[in-house]
Each structure stands twice: as C-alpha cells, then as structure tokens.
Amino acid sequence: MKDSEIPNMTITDETTIGDLEQNDRANYTEAVQRNHKIYTFPSVPAAHEFMGQAFDKIMRRCGVHIKPGDRKAHIDKLLKREGVKVEQRTYGKDEKLYKSGLFVYTRGEIAGYVSSPFVQVGGSPLYQPPKFYIQTTEKDM
C-alpha cells in the first residue's frame, strides 16, 4: 500500500480506524495548544471574513501567497512547491463545535488552524443576539 495523504502517518494493511482517530485527535490537540485565541463577531459574514484573513495569514507564513483570481492549477502548484496541504474538517455534533474548520499542514507538520464560526453555548442572557466565535492559532490578528 502507498503512503497515505495523512500528515505524520503512513497507512499500512495493519492500520486500524482507531489509529486514524488517534492521529486525528493528536493533530487537533497540537493545533489548538499552539497559542490559540478565540475571537468574537456580531454576525456570520463578519466571522467568515475574519476566517479568510486568518487562513490567508497562515498560508503566507507557509510561503503560499494566493491572490484573488488565481486559477486552481496555479494554487495547486504553489501548494505542492511549498509542501502545504489544507484540510477542511467537519466534525459531528458529538464533538466540540470549534473543532470543525481549516487545518493547514506544511511538510507533514501542522502549521495552523482556523475553526468555522460557531455559537458558544451557555453563559449569555437570552435577550442578547447570538455572538459568533472563531478559534484560531493566530494570536496576533
């Protein structure tokens, strides 16, 4: 069997689903423990705009500078040249909401993480409009 596309892991005939889950959780834990910060936004569009900015910052740090209008073939070439892989992960409702998002790997190591917008449950009075949150490894946005 060929090497897997999963960073830091080679899949063999003996690899189990438990091995994949353990690798996934280890990558997530490493990403979140690296100087993460939670940001608050008044609306989903504002959260999505920030998510794009944080993702762009991680990509630039990895040496990938994508401009509006760049074609997919050009972007794929940049990613390959710099050894960067991007995964968009969506976790089920049994997992914490902030775990879903964009994971960026460079040369097999986690380089950054930006969660999808989520609503934090509990703690806020009912009369306040919901606040949307994004968790990211980018502390200095």
Protein backbone atom coordinates (compact mmCIF):
# COMPACT_ATOMS: atom_id res chain seq x y z
CA MET A 1 0.00 0.00 0.00
CA LYS A 2 1.27 3.53 -0.81
CA ASP A 3 1.97 6.20 1.80
CA SER A 4 -1.15 7.98 2.93
CA GLU A 5 -2.06 11.61 2.44
CA ILE A 6 -2.48 11.93 6.21
CA PRO A 7 0.31 14.08 7.72
CA ASN A 8 2.70 12.29 10.08
CA MET A 9 1.20 8.90 9.30
CA THR A 10 1.75 6.07 6.89
CA ILE A 11 -1.19 3.76 6.36
CA THR A 12 -0.39 0.06 6.12
CA ASP A 13 -2.52 -3.08 5.95
CA GLU A 14 -2.39 -3.17 9.77
CA THR A 15 -3.70 0.39 10.27
CA THR A 16 -7.00 0.48 12.16
CA ILE A 17 -9.73 3.09 12.34
CA GLY A 18 -8.64 3.67 15.94
CA ASP A 19 -5.14 4.54 14.69
CA LEU A 20 -6.62 7.11 12.30
CA GLU A 21 -8.77 8.61 15.06
CA GLN A 22 -5.82 8.82 17.45
CA ASN A 23 -3.71 10.59 14.78
CA ASP A 24 -6.57 12.98 14.05
CA ARG A 25 -7.02 13.88 17.71
CA ALA A 26 -3.25 14.32 18.18
CA ASN A 27 -3.08 16.74 15.22
CA TYR A 28 -6.06 18.71 16.53
CA THR A 29 -4.67 18.88 20.07
CA GLU A 30 -1.32 20.14 18.77
CA ALA A 31 -3.02 22.79 16.62
CA VAL A 32 -5.19 24.13 19.45
CA GLN A 33 -2.41 24.15 22.03
CA ARG A 34 -0.25 26.40 19.82
CA ASN A 35 -1.09 29.92 21.00
CA HIS A 36 -4.77 29.74 20.16
CA LYS A 37 -7.19 32.58 20.72
CA ILE A 38 -10.96 32.87 20.45
CA TYR A 39 -12.37 35.84 18.51
CA THR A 40 -15.95 37.17 18.74
CA PHE A 41 -18.09 38.56 15.89
CA PRO A 42 -21.58 40.09 15.74
CA SER A 43 -22.55 38.22 12.54
CA VAL A 44 -21.67 35.21 10.41
CA PRO A 45 -20.45 37.34 7.45
CA ALA A 46 -18.02 39.17 9.76
CA ALA A 47 -16.81 35.82 11.14
CA HIS A 48 -16.34 34.41 7.62
CA GLU A 49 -14.34 37.49 6.56
CA PHE A 50 -12.05 37.06 9.55
CA MET A 51 -11.74 33.32 8.87
CA GLY A 52 -10.48 34.16 5.36
CA GLN A 53 -7.98 36.68 6.72
CA ALA A 54 -6.64 34.24 9.32
CA PHE A 55 -6.38 31.47 6.71
CA ASP A 56 -4.51 33.82 4.36
CA LYS A 57 -2.09 34.74 7.15
CA ILE A 58 -1.32 31.07 7.85
CA MET A 59 -0.84 30.37 4.14
CA ARG A 60 1.53 33.35 3.75
CA ARG A 61 3.52 32.14 6.74
CA CYS A 62 3.85 28.82 4.87
CA GLY A 63 5.13 30.63 1.76
CA VAL A 64 1.89 30.43 -0.24
CA HIS A 65 0.66 33.81 -1.47
CA ILE A 66 -2.72 33.42 -3.18
CA LYS A 67 -4.22 36.39 -4.99
CA PRO A 68 -7.89 36.88 -5.92
CA GLY A 69 -8.42 35.41 -9.37
CA ASP A 70 -5.60 32.83 -9.15
CA ARG A 71 -6.56 29.68 -11.02
CA LYS A 72 -6.82 26.33 -9.26
CA ALA A 73 -3.88 24.91 -11.25
CA HIS A 74 -1.66 27.80 -10.11
CA ILE A 75 -2.75 27.40 -6.47
CA ASP A 76 -2.14 23.63 -6.60
CA LYS A 77 1.35 24.31 -7.97
CA LEU A 78 2.11 26.76 -5.15
CA LEU A 79 0.87 24.30 -2.52
CA LYS A 80 2.96 21.47 -3.96
CA ARG A 81 6.09 23.62 -4.23
CA GLU A 82 5.85 24.69 -0.59
CA GLY A 83 4.74 21.27 0.70
CA VAL A 84 1.44 22.65 2.02
CA LYS A 85 -1.80 20.70 2.41
CA VAL A 86 -5.14 22.11 3.51
CA GLU A 87 -7.93 20.05 5.05
CA GLN A 88 -11.43 21.29 5.71
CA ARG A 89 -12.75 19.12 8.54
CA THR A 90 -16.32 18.91 9.71
CA TYR A 91 -16.91 17.05 12.95
CA GLY A 92 -20.22 15.63 14.08
CA LYS A 93 -22.47 17.06 16.77
CA ASP A 94 -20.88 14.83 19.41
CA GLU A 95 -17.64 16.83 19.10
CA LYS A 96 -16.97 20.38 20.26
CA LEU A 97 -18.23 22.94 17.73
CA TYR A 98 -14.89 24.73 17.33
CA LYS A 99 -13.14 21.57 16.12
CA SER A 100 -14.61 21.95 12.61
CA GLY A 101 -12.55 24.19 10.37
CA LEU A 102 -9.43 24.55 8.25
CA PHE A 103 -6.25 22.68 9.14
CA VAL A 104 -3.06 23.70 7.32
CA TYR A 105 -0.07 21.35 7.20
CA THR A 106 3.38 22.16 5.88
CA ARG A 107 5.76 19.32 5.10
CA GLY A 108 3.67 16.96 7.26
CA GLU A 109 3.54 19.21 10.35
CA ILE A 110 0.53 21.23 11.49
CA ALA A 111 1.13 24.88 10.62
CA GLY A 112 -2.16 26.43 11.66
CA TYR A 113 -5.83 26.02 12.34
CA VAL A 114 -8.90 28.23 11.95
CA SER A 115 -12.27 26.99 13.18
CA SER A 116 -15.51 27.51 11.33
CA PRO A 117 -17.79 30.08 13.03
CA PHE A 118 -19.73 28.64 15.97
CA VAL A 119 -22.09 29.88 18.67
CA GLN A 120 -20.79 29.37 22.18
CA VAL A 121 -23.45 27.69 24.30
CA GLY A 122 -24.30 28.93 27.81
CA GLY A 123 -23.42 31.98 29.80
CA SER A 124 -25.21 34.67 27.78
CA PRO A 125 -28.63 36.12 28.63
CA LEU A 126 -31.48 35.25 26.26
CA TYR A 127 -32.18 38.85 25.25
CA GLN A 128 -28.73 39.34 23.66
CA PRO A 129 -28.26 38.50 19.98
CA PRO A 130 -26.02 35.47 19.42
CA LYS A 131 -22.32 36.09 19.09
CA PHE A 132 -20.33 34.01 16.66
CA TYR A 133 -16.87 32.76 17.52
CA ILE A 134 -13.79 31.60 15.68
CA GLN A 135 -10.90 29.81 17.34
CA THR A 136 -7.53 30.17 15.64
CA THR A 137 -3.84 29.59 16.21
CA GLU A 138 -3.28 33.18 15.05
CA LYS A 139 -3.00 35.26 18.24
CA ASP A 140 -1.81 38.49 16.66
CA MET A 141 -4.60 39.12 14.15
